[in-house]
Protein backbone atom coordinates (compact mmCIF):
# COMPACT_ATOMS: atom_id res chain seq x y z
CA UNK A 1 0.02 0.06 0.18
CA UNK A 2 1.44 3.28 -1.05
CA UNK A 3 1.25 6.07 1.63
CA UNK A 4 -1.19 8.38 -0.26
CA UNK A 5 -3.48 5.47 -0.79
CA UNK A 6 -3.90 5.34 2.94
CA UNK A 7 -6.52 7.94 3.59
CA UNK A 8 -8.91 6.58 0.43
CA UNK A 9 -8.68 3.08 2.03
CA UNK A 10 -9.23 4.46 5.62
CA UNK A 11 -12.32 6.40 4.19
CA UNK A 12 -13.66 3.58 2.17
CA UNK A 13 -13.45 0.93 4.88
CA UNK A 14 -14.20 3.03 7.73
CA UNK A 15 -17.10 5.24 6.65
CA UNK A 16 -18.19 3.44 3.61
CA UNK A 17 -17.20 0.03 3.53
CA UNK A 18 -19.55 -1.77 6.14
CA UNK A 19 -19.03 -4.76 4.03
CA UNK A 20 -20.68 -3.20 0.83
CA UNK A 21 -19.77 -4.39 -2.54
CA UNK A 22 -18.37 -1.43 -4.27
CA UNK A 23 -18.92 -2.67 -7.55
CA UNK A 24 -22.71 -3.13 -6.89
CA UNK A 25 -22.76 0.05 -5.26
CA UNK A 26 -21.32 2.08 -8.12
CA UNK A 27 -23.44 -0.04 -10.66
CA UNK A 28 -26.59 1.13 -8.64
CA UNK A 29 -25.70 4.79 -8.23
CA UNK A 30 -24.76 4.50 -4.73
CA UNK A 31 -28.04 2.99 -3.84
CA UNK A 32 -26.50 0.07 -2.17
CA UNK A 33 -25.03 2.53 0.43
CA UNK A 34 -27.87 2.70 3.23
CA UNK A 35 -28.00 4.87 6.14
CA UNK A 36 -30.50 4.35 9.17
CA UNK A 37 -29.80 7.86 10.53
CA UNK A 38 -29.07 11.35 9.59
CA UNK A 39 -25.55 11.60 8.30
CA UNK A 40 -23.48 14.78 8.08
CA UNK A 41 -20.32 14.82 6.33
CA UNK A 42 -17.75 17.81 7.03
CA UNK A 43 -15.13 18.66 4.64
CA UNK A 44 -12.15 20.79 5.20
CA UNK A 45 -10.92 22.91 2.01
CA UNK A 46 -7.11 22.39 3.31
CA UNK A 47 -7.40 18.72 4.26
CA UNK A 48 -4.49 17.20 2.48
CA UNK A 49 -5.41 13.72 4.15
CA UNK A 50 -9.00 13.22 2.95
CA UNK A 51 -9.28 16.07 0.45
CA UNK A 52 -12.46 17.56 0.27
CA UNK A 53 -13.18 15.95 -3.13
CA UNK A 54 -13.25 13.01 -1.55
CA UNK A 55 -15.28 13.86 1.43
CA UNK A 56 -17.78 15.13 -1.04
CA UNK A 57 -17.56 11.92 -3.23
CA UNK A 58 -18.56 10.07 0.07
CA UNK A 59 -21.50 12.62 0.66
CA UNK A 60 -22.66 11.98 -2.81
CA UNK A 61 -22.69 8.26 -2.26
CA UNK A 62 -25.52 8.70 0.12
CA UNK A 63 -27.53 10.77 -2.11
CA UNK A 64 -30.24 7.89 -2.70
CA UNK A 65 -30.66 7.22 1.05
CA UNK A 66 -34.04 8.19 2.25
CA UNK A 67 -32.15 9.56 5.47
CA UNK A 68 -31.39 13.09 5.97
CA UNK A 69 -27.52 13.45 4.42
CA UNK A 70 -25.82 16.69 4.48
CA UNK A 71 -22.59 18.24 3.45
CA UNK A 72 -20.75 21.19 5.01
CA UNK A 73 -17.49 22.57 3.91
CA UNK A 74 -15.05 24.49 6.01
CA UNK A 75 -12.76 26.07 3.31
CA UNK A 76 -10.10 27.23 5.83
CA UNK A 77 -9.63 23.82 7.76
CA UNK A 78 -7.52 21.14 7.58
CA UNK A 79 -7.78 17.31 8.40
CA UNK A 80 -7.69 18.09 12.08
CA UNK A 81 -10.63 20.52 12.21
CA UNK A 82 -11.79 19.53 15.54
CA UNK A 83 -8.79 19.79 17.23
CA UNK A 84 -7.33 23.03 15.61
CA UNK A 85 -8.05 26.48 16.33
CA UNK A 86 -11.54 27.44 15.64
CA UNK A 87 -12.55 23.83 16.59
CA UNK A 88 -15.47 25.38 18.53
CA UNK A 89 -17.11 26.65 15.48
CA UNK A 90 -17.05 23.12 13.92
CA UNK A 91 -18.55 21.67 17.37
CA UNK A 92 -21.31 24.18 17.40
CA UNK A 93 -22.37 23.54 13.62
CA UNK A 94 -22.29 19.88 14.34
CA UNK A 95 -24.53 20.19 17.52
CA UNK A 96 -26.88 22.67 15.75
CA UNK A 97 -27.35 20.43 13.13
CA UNK A 98 -27.76 17.40 15.49
CA UNK A 99 -30.61 19.48 17.25
CA UNK A 100 -32.48 20.20 13.88
CA UNK A 101 -32.50 16.38 13.35
CA UNK A 102 -34.13 16.01 16.73
CA UNK A 103 -31.48 15.03 18.77
């Protein structure tokens, strides 16, 4: 495994994988990816570990889900956006989003 393959593999297995046959999911236009609850995908514009284009693609794979699925970009943030300066803005957004979903 090449070093630059790692972020994609972690995202695919850790977030999207869940035992889904990727070829079947692609053929079904992402419909094989199911979500039982609301899903918020957050992308950082300065994230070089999981580039925002990959986060956006993950969000789009869930487009056929009947669950609420949202995407939020923070253009000035990198991969550790929940630890770096301004983390409270991310946390406040996520908490507000959860409240809007009834949590």
